[in-house]
N, C-alpha and C. Protein backbone atom coordinates (compact mmCIF):
# COMPACT_ATOMS: atom_id res chain seq x y z
N MET A 1 96.77 -28.00 19.74
CA MET A 1 96.48 -29.39 20.03
C MET A 1 96.79 -29.66 21.50
N SER A 2 95.87 -30.33 22.18
CA SER A 2 96.07 -30.63 23.60
C SER A 2 97.09 -31.76 23.77
N ASP A 3 97.59 -31.87 25.00
CA ASP A 3 98.52 -32.97 25.30
C ASP A 3 97.87 -34.32 25.05
N ILE A 4 96.60 -34.45 25.41
CA ILE A 4 95.89 -35.71 25.21
C ILE A 4 95.81 -36.02 23.72
N GLN A 5 95.45 -35.05 22.90
CA GLN A 5 95.37 -35.28 21.46
C GLN A 5 96.73 -35.67 20.89
N GLN A 6 97.77 -35.06 21.41
CA GLN A 6 99.11 -35.38 20.93
C GLN A 6 99.47 -36.84 21.25
N VAL A 7 99.17 -37.29 22.46
CA VAL A 7 99.44 -38.67 22.84
C VAL A 7 98.58 -39.62 22.00
N GLU A 8 97.33 -39.25 21.78
CA GLU A 8 96.46 -40.07 20.94
C GLU A 8 97.05 -40.21 19.53
N ASN A 9 97.53 -39.10 18.97
CA ASN A 9 98.13 -39.15 17.63
C ASN A 9 99.37 -40.04 17.60
N GLU A 10 100.17 -40.00 18.67
CA GLU A 10 101.35 -40.87 18.76
C GLU A 10 100.94 -42.34 18.79
N ILE A 11 99.88 -42.66 19.52
CA ILE A 11 99.38 -44.04 19.57
C ILE A 11 98.93 -44.47 18.18
N VAL A 12 98.20 -43.61 17.49
CA VAL A 12 97.72 -43.93 16.14
C VAL A 12 98.91 -44.20 15.22
N GLU A 13 99.94 -43.35 15.32
CA GLU A 13 101.14 -43.55 14.50
C GLU A 13 101.80 -44.89 14.81
N ASP A 14 101.86 -45.26 16.09
CA ASP A 14 102.44 -46.56 16.46
C ASP A 14 101.65 -47.69 15.82
N PHE A 15 100.34 -47.60 15.85
CA PHE A 15 99.50 -48.67 15.30
C PHE A 15 99.54 -48.71 13.77
N GLU A 16 99.87 -47.61 13.14
CA GLU A 16 99.97 -47.59 11.68
C GLU A 16 101.15 -48.42 11.18
N LEU A 17 102.07 -48.77 12.08
CA LEU A 17 103.22 -49.61 11.71
C LEU A 17 102.78 -51.05 11.42
N PHE A 18 101.60 -51.42 11.89
CA PHE A 18 101.11 -52.79 11.73
C PHE A 18 100.05 -52.83 10.63
N GLU A 19 100.17 -53.83 9.77
CA GLU A 19 99.22 -53.95 8.67
C GLU A 19 98.02 -54.81 9.04
N GLU A 20 98.26 -55.86 9.80
CA GLU A 20 97.19 -56.81 10.13
C GLU A 20 96.68 -56.57 11.55
N TRP A 21 95.38 -56.84 11.74
CA TRP A 21 94.80 -56.67 13.06
C TRP A 21 95.48 -57.57 14.09
N GLU A 22 95.88 -58.79 13.68
CA GLU A 22 96.54 -59.71 14.61
C GLU A 22 97.81 -59.08 15.20
N GLU A 23 98.54 -58.32 14.39
CA GLU A 23 99.75 -57.64 14.86
C GLU A 23 99.39 -56.55 15.88
N LYS A 24 98.31 -55.83 15.62
CA LYS A 24 97.86 -54.81 16.55
C LYS A 24 97.41 -55.45 17.87
N TYR A 25 96.71 -56.56 17.74
CA TYR A 25 96.24 -57.30 18.91
C TYR A 25 97.43 -57.72 19.78
N GLN A 26 98.46 -58.26 19.13
CA GLN A 26 99.67 -58.68 19.85
C GLN A 26 100.36 -57.49 20.51
N TYR A 27 100.36 -56.35 19.83
CA TYR A 27 100.98 -55.14 20.38
C TYR A 27 100.23 -54.69 21.64
N ILE A 28 98.91 -54.78 21.62
CA ILE A 28 98.11 -54.41 22.80
C ILE A 28 98.45 -55.33 23.97
N ILE A 29 98.61 -56.62 23.68
CA ILE A 29 99.00 -57.58 24.73
C ILE A 29 100.37 -57.20 25.30
N GLU A 30 101.30 -56.84 24.42
CA GLU A 30 102.64 -56.44 24.88
C GLU A 30 102.57 -55.19 25.76
N LEU A 31 101.71 -54.25 25.41
CA LEU A 31 101.54 -53.06 26.25
C LEU A 31 101.05 -53.46 27.64
N GLY A 32 100.14 -54.41 27.69
CA GLY A 32 99.64 -54.90 28.96
C GLY A 32 100.72 -55.57 29.78
N GLN A 33 101.59 -56.31 29.11
CA GLN A 33 102.68 -56.99 29.82
C GLN A 33 103.67 -56.00 30.40
N LYS A 34 103.79 -54.82 29.79
CA LYS A 34 104.71 -53.79 30.27
C LYS A 34 104.12 -52.93 31.39
N LEU A 35 102.80 -53.00 31.57
CA LEU A 35 102.14 -52.20 32.60
C LEU A 35 102.55 -52.73 33.98
N PRO A 36 103.07 -51.86 34.83
CA PRO A 36 103.47 -52.34 36.17
C PRO A 36 102.27 -52.94 36.90
N PRO A 37 102.48 -54.02 37.63
CA PRO A 37 101.37 -54.63 38.35
C PRO A 37 100.84 -53.69 39.43
N LEU A 38 99.56 -53.79 39.68
CA LEU A 38 98.93 -53.00 40.73
C LEU A 38 99.17 -53.68 42.07
N ALA A 39 99.52 -52.91 43.07
CA ALA A 39 99.75 -53.47 44.40
C ALA A 39 98.49 -54.19 44.88
N ASP A 40 98.68 -55.32 45.54
CA ASP A 40 97.55 -56.11 46.02
C ASP A 40 96.60 -55.32 46.91
N GLU A 41 97.13 -54.34 47.65
CA GLU A 41 96.29 -53.54 48.54
C GLU A 41 95.23 -52.75 47.78
N PHE A 42 95.45 -52.55 46.45
CA PHE A 42 94.49 -51.81 45.64
C PHE A 42 93.57 -52.73 44.83
N LYS A 43 93.77 -54.03 44.94
CA LYS A 43 92.91 -54.98 44.23
C LYS A 43 91.73 -55.33 45.13
N THR A 44 90.87 -54.34 45.33
CA THR A 44 89.72 -54.49 46.20
C THR A 44 88.44 -54.32 45.38
N ASP A 45 87.34 -54.80 45.95
CA ASP A 45 86.06 -54.74 45.24
C ASP A 45 85.66 -53.32 44.86
N ASP A 46 86.00 -52.35 45.71
CA ASP A 46 85.59 -50.97 45.41
C ASP A 46 86.41 -50.38 44.25
N ARG A 47 87.50 -51.01 43.90
CA ARG A 47 88.31 -50.54 42.76
C ARG A 47 88.11 -51.41 41.53
N LYS A 48 87.30 -52.44 41.66
CA LYS A 48 87.03 -53.34 40.53
C LYS A 48 86.00 -52.69 39.62
N ILE A 49 86.30 -52.67 38.33
CA ILE A 49 85.40 -52.00 37.38
C ILE A 49 84.22 -52.91 37.06
N LYS A 50 83.05 -52.38 37.28
CA LYS A 50 81.82 -53.12 36.99
C LYS A 50 81.56 -53.05 35.48
N GLY A 51 81.06 -54.13 34.92
CA GLY A 51 80.74 -54.14 33.50
C GLY A 51 81.82 -54.77 32.64
N CYS A 52 82.91 -55.20 33.25
CA CYS A 52 83.97 -55.87 32.52
C CYS A 52 83.84 -57.37 32.72
N GLN A 53 84.00 -58.12 31.64
CA GLN A 53 83.95 -59.57 31.72
C GLN A 53 85.15 -60.08 32.51
N SER A 54 86.30 -59.48 32.29
CA SER A 54 87.51 -59.82 33.03
C SER A 54 87.55 -58.99 34.31
N SER A 55 88.40 -59.39 35.23
CA SER A 55 88.60 -58.58 36.43
C SER A 55 89.56 -57.45 36.09
N VAL A 56 89.14 -56.22 36.37
CA VAL A 56 89.97 -55.05 36.13
C VAL A 56 89.88 -54.18 37.38
N TRP A 57 91.05 -53.83 37.91
CA TRP A 57 91.10 -52.95 39.08
C TRP A 57 91.75 -51.65 38.65
N LEU A 58 91.15 -50.54 39.07
CA LEU A 58 91.66 -49.22 38.72
C LEU A 58 91.82 -48.39 39.98
N HIS A 59 93.02 -47.87 40.16
CA HIS A 59 93.32 -47.02 41.31
C HIS A 59 93.68 -45.63 40.79
N ALA A 60 93.15 -44.61 41.44
CA ALA A 60 93.45 -43.23 41.05
C ALA A 60 93.95 -42.47 42.27
N SER A 61 94.96 -41.67 42.06
CA SER A 61 95.47 -40.78 43.11
C SER A 61 95.72 -39.42 42.48
N GLU A 62 95.91 -38.43 43.33
CA GLU A 62 96.11 -37.07 42.84
C GLU A 62 97.47 -36.57 43.28
N SER A 63 98.15 -35.88 42.36
CA SER A 63 99.45 -35.29 42.66
C SER A 63 99.56 -33.97 41.91
N ASP A 64 99.70 -32.88 42.64
CA ASP A 64 99.83 -31.55 42.03
C ASP A 64 98.70 -31.23 41.05
N GLY A 65 97.47 -31.60 41.41
CA GLY A 65 96.32 -31.28 40.58
C GLY A 65 96.12 -32.20 39.39
N LYS A 66 96.95 -33.23 39.29
CA LYS A 66 96.84 -34.19 38.18
C LYS A 66 96.49 -35.56 38.74
N ILE A 67 95.74 -36.32 37.97
CA ILE A 67 95.31 -37.64 38.40
C ILE A 67 96.27 -38.69 37.83
N ILE A 68 96.70 -39.58 38.71
CA ILE A 68 97.58 -40.66 38.33
C ILE A 68 96.79 -41.96 38.42
N PHE A 69 96.74 -42.69 37.32
CA PHE A 69 96.02 -43.97 37.29
C PHE A 69 97.01 -45.13 37.31
N ASN A 70 96.62 -46.17 38.03
CA ASN A 70 97.30 -47.46 38.02
C ASN A 70 96.22 -48.51 37.88
N ALA A 71 96.53 -49.59 37.18
CA ALA A 71 95.50 -50.60 36.96
C ALA A 71 96.12 -51.96 36.75
N ASP A 72 95.26 -52.96 36.80
CA ASP A 72 95.68 -54.33 36.53
C ASP A 72 94.46 -55.12 36.07
N SER A 73 94.71 -56.24 35.43
CA SER A 73 93.63 -57.11 34.98
C SER A 73 94.13 -58.54 34.95
N ASP A 74 93.19 -59.47 35.04
CA ASP A 74 93.56 -60.88 34.92
C ASP A 74 93.62 -61.31 33.45
N SER A 75 93.31 -60.41 32.53
CA SER A 75 93.38 -60.67 31.09
C SER A 75 94.50 -59.83 30.49
N THR A 76 95.41 -60.45 29.77
CA THR A 76 96.53 -59.69 29.20
C THR A 76 96.05 -58.69 28.15
N PHE A 77 95.03 -59.04 27.37
CA PHE A 77 94.52 -58.10 26.37
C PHE A 77 93.85 -56.90 27.05
N VAL A 78 93.02 -57.16 28.04
CA VAL A 78 92.33 -56.08 28.75
C VAL A 78 93.36 -55.21 29.47
N LYS A 79 94.40 -55.82 30.00
CA LYS A 79 95.47 -55.05 30.64
C LYS A 79 96.12 -54.13 29.60
N GLY A 80 96.23 -54.58 28.37
CA GLY A 80 96.76 -53.73 27.29
C GLY A 80 95.83 -52.58 26.98
N GLU A 81 94.52 -52.86 26.99
CA GLU A 81 93.55 -51.78 26.76
C GLU A 81 93.66 -50.70 27.83
N ILE A 82 93.71 -51.11 29.08
CA ILE A 82 93.79 -50.13 30.16
C ILE A 82 95.15 -49.43 30.13
N ALA A 83 96.19 -50.12 29.66
CA ALA A 83 97.51 -49.47 29.51
C ALA A 83 97.42 -48.33 28.50
N LEU A 84 96.68 -48.53 27.42
CA LEU A 84 96.47 -47.46 26.43
C LEU A 84 95.74 -46.28 27.06
N LEU A 85 94.69 -46.57 27.81
CA LEU A 85 93.92 -45.51 28.45
C LEU A 85 94.77 -44.75 29.47
N ILE A 86 95.59 -45.47 30.21
CA ILE A 86 96.47 -44.83 31.18
C ILE A 86 97.48 -43.94 30.46
N GLN A 87 98.01 -44.44 29.35
CA GLN A 87 98.97 -43.66 28.57
C GLN A 87 98.38 -42.31 28.17
N VAL A 88 97.11 -42.30 27.83
CA VAL A 88 96.44 -41.08 27.38
C VAL A 88 96.00 -40.20 28.56
N MET A 89 95.45 -40.81 29.61
CA MET A 89 94.78 -40.01 30.64
C MET A 89 95.52 -39.81 31.95
N SER A 90 96.49 -40.65 32.27
CA SER A 90 97.20 -40.48 33.53
C SER A 90 98.12 -39.27 33.47
N GLY A 91 98.18 -38.54 34.58
CA GLY A 91 99.02 -37.35 34.63
C GLY A 91 98.34 -36.11 34.06
N ARG A 92 97.03 -36.18 33.93
CA ARG A 92 96.24 -35.06 33.39
C ARG A 92 95.36 -34.47 34.50
N THR A 93 94.88 -33.26 34.24
CA THR A 93 93.96 -32.63 35.19
C THR A 93 92.59 -33.28 35.06
N PRO A 94 91.76 -33.16 36.10
CA PRO A 94 90.41 -33.71 36.00
C PRO A 94 89.66 -33.19 34.76
N GLU A 95 89.80 -31.89 34.47
CA GLU A 95 89.10 -31.30 33.33
C GLU A 95 89.55 -31.94 32.01
N GLU A 96 90.86 -32.17 31.87
CA GLU A 96 91.36 -32.80 30.64
C GLU A 96 90.79 -34.20 30.47
N ILE A 97 90.71 -34.95 31.57
CA ILE A 97 90.19 -36.32 31.51
C ILE A 97 88.71 -36.31 31.18
N ILE A 98 87.97 -35.45 31.84
CA ILE A 98 86.52 -35.37 31.61
C ILE A 98 86.23 -35.01 30.15
N ASN A 99 87.02 -34.11 29.59
CA ASN A 99 86.77 -33.64 28.22
C ASN A 99 87.43 -34.48 27.13
N ALA A 100 88.21 -35.48 27.51
CA ALA A 100 88.90 -36.31 26.52
C ALA A 100 87.89 -37.08 25.66
N GLU A 101 88.05 -36.97 24.36
CA GLU A 101 87.13 -37.65 23.44
C GLU A 101 87.60 -39.06 23.09
N LEU A 102 88.89 -39.32 23.22
CA LEU A 102 89.47 -40.64 23.01
C LEU A 102 89.18 -41.20 21.62
N GLY A 103 89.32 -40.36 20.62
CA GLY A 103 89.09 -40.77 19.24
C GLY A 103 90.08 -41.81 18.74
N PHE A 104 91.21 -41.95 19.43
CA PHE A 104 92.21 -42.92 18.99
C PHE A 104 91.65 -44.34 18.99
N ILE A 105 90.68 -44.63 19.85
CA ILE A 105 90.12 -45.97 19.95
C ILE A 105 89.55 -46.41 18.61
N ASP A 106 88.82 -45.52 17.96
CA ASP A 106 88.27 -45.84 16.64
C ASP A 106 89.34 -45.74 15.55
N ARG A 107 90.25 -44.77 15.71
CA ARG A 107 91.28 -44.56 14.68
C ARG A 107 92.24 -45.74 14.56
N ILE A 108 92.48 -46.47 15.66
CA ILE A 108 93.37 -47.64 15.57
C ILE A 108 92.59 -48.92 15.24
N GLY A 109 91.26 -48.82 15.16
CA GLY A 109 90.45 -49.97 14.79
C GLY A 109 90.09 -50.87 15.97
N LEU A 110 90.32 -50.40 17.17
CA LEU A 110 90.08 -51.24 18.35
C LEU A 110 88.60 -51.60 18.51
N ARG A 111 87.74 -50.60 18.46
CA ARG A 111 86.32 -50.84 18.74
C ARG A 111 85.69 -51.80 17.73
N GLN A 112 86.04 -51.65 16.44
CA GLN A 112 85.40 -52.51 15.44
C GLN A 112 85.93 -53.94 15.43
N HIS A 113 87.00 -54.20 16.18
CA HIS A 113 87.55 -55.55 16.22
C HIS A 113 87.28 -56.27 17.54
N MET A 114 86.34 -55.76 18.31
CA MET A 114 86.07 -56.44 19.58
C MET A 114 84.61 -56.85 19.68
N ALA A 115 84.41 -57.91 20.45
CA ALA A 115 83.06 -58.39 20.72
C ALA A 115 82.33 -57.35 21.56
N GLN A 116 81.00 -57.42 21.56
CA GLN A 116 80.19 -56.46 22.29
C GLN A 116 80.53 -56.44 23.79
N THR A 117 80.81 -57.61 24.35
CA THR A 117 81.13 -57.65 25.78
C THR A 117 82.45 -56.92 26.06
N ARG A 118 83.41 -57.05 25.15
CA ARG A 118 84.69 -56.33 25.32
C ARG A 118 84.48 -54.83 25.14
N ALA A 119 83.64 -54.45 24.17
CA ALA A 119 83.35 -53.03 23.95
C ALA A 119 82.68 -52.44 25.19
N ASN A 120 81.79 -53.19 25.81
CA ASN A 120 81.14 -52.73 27.03
C ASN A 120 82.16 -52.56 28.14
N GLY A 121 83.10 -53.49 28.24
CA GLY A 121 84.15 -53.41 29.26
C GLY A 121 85.03 -52.19 29.05
N LEU A 122 85.39 -51.91 27.79
CA LEU A 122 86.20 -50.73 27.49
C LEU A 122 85.45 -49.46 27.87
N ALA A 123 84.17 -49.41 27.54
CA ALA A 123 83.35 -48.26 27.91
C ALA A 123 83.28 -48.10 29.43
N SER A 124 83.21 -49.21 30.15
CA SER A 124 83.18 -49.15 31.62
C SER A 124 84.49 -48.63 32.18
N MET A 125 85.62 -49.01 31.57
CA MET A 125 86.92 -48.51 32.03
C MET A 125 87.00 -47.00 31.84
N ILE A 126 86.58 -46.54 30.67
CA ILE A 126 86.60 -45.10 30.37
C ILE A 126 85.69 -44.34 31.33
N LYS A 127 84.49 -44.88 31.53
CA LYS A 127 83.52 -44.24 32.43
C LYS A 127 84.10 -44.11 33.84
N GLN A 128 84.75 -45.17 34.33
CA GLN A 128 85.30 -45.14 35.68
C GLN A 128 86.43 -44.12 35.80
N MET A 129 87.27 -44.01 34.78
CA MET A 129 88.35 -43.03 34.80
C MET A 129 87.78 -41.61 34.85
N LYS A 130 86.72 -41.39 34.08
CA LYS A 130 86.10 -40.06 34.07
C LYS A 130 85.37 -39.78 35.39
N LEU A 131 84.79 -40.82 35.99
CA LEU A 131 84.15 -40.64 37.30
C LEU A 131 85.17 -40.28 38.37
N TYR A 132 86.32 -40.92 38.33
CA TYR A 132 87.39 -40.53 39.25
C TYR A 132 87.75 -39.06 39.04
N ALA A 133 87.84 -38.65 37.79
CA ALA A 133 88.20 -37.25 37.48
C ALA A 133 87.15 -36.29 38.06
N VAL A 134 85.89 -36.62 37.91
CA VAL A 134 84.81 -35.78 38.48
C VAL A 134 84.96 -35.73 39.99
N GLY A 135 85.24 -36.87 40.62
CA GLY A 135 85.41 -36.90 42.08
C GLY A 135 86.57 -36.03 42.53
N PHE A 136 87.69 -36.10 41.84
CA PHE A 136 88.84 -35.26 42.21
C PHE A 136 88.57 -33.79 41.91
N GLN A 137 87.80 -33.53 40.87
CA GLN A 137 87.46 -32.15 40.52
C GLN A 137 86.64 -31.52 41.64
N HIS A 138 85.69 -32.27 42.17
CA HIS A 138 84.84 -31.74 43.26
C HIS A 138 85.60 -31.64 44.57
N LYS A 139 86.58 -32.50 44.76
CA LYS A 139 87.39 -32.47 45.97
C LYS A 139 88.23 -31.20 46.06
N THR A 140 88.67 -30.71 44.90
CA THR A 140 89.53 -29.51 44.87
C THR A 140 88.73 -28.23 44.70
N ALA A 141 87.45 -28.35 44.42
CA ALA A 141 86.63 -27.13 44.18
C ALA A 141 86.26 -26.46 45.48
């Protein structure tokens, strides 16, 4: 089992503690509240994720061949979503990020409990993280 799959399984286990979707929703908001704020210098248009209804900024840097993600949003729920994605994908190699299937999203019931616009925003966040990974992969090749 890969490190990413292991983290995904841990997230699923955490969500299994909640019976109602409202509790899961609140937990996602709490995750967003715990996410360190992104420095203002990184809240620029080129780091703003296109396709999100809310404003979401994503910054990626590389350290020892691994990509480190930092993000922020003006929506506490969306900030929780990106906190989950960071938990899974930050600190991984470009290859691990590119190949991540992110099955936990469906396993915790996130996708089926969101409006289409939110689902599009989540897909845009994932796409941008993977695009950063491709960019760092080519930079080191």
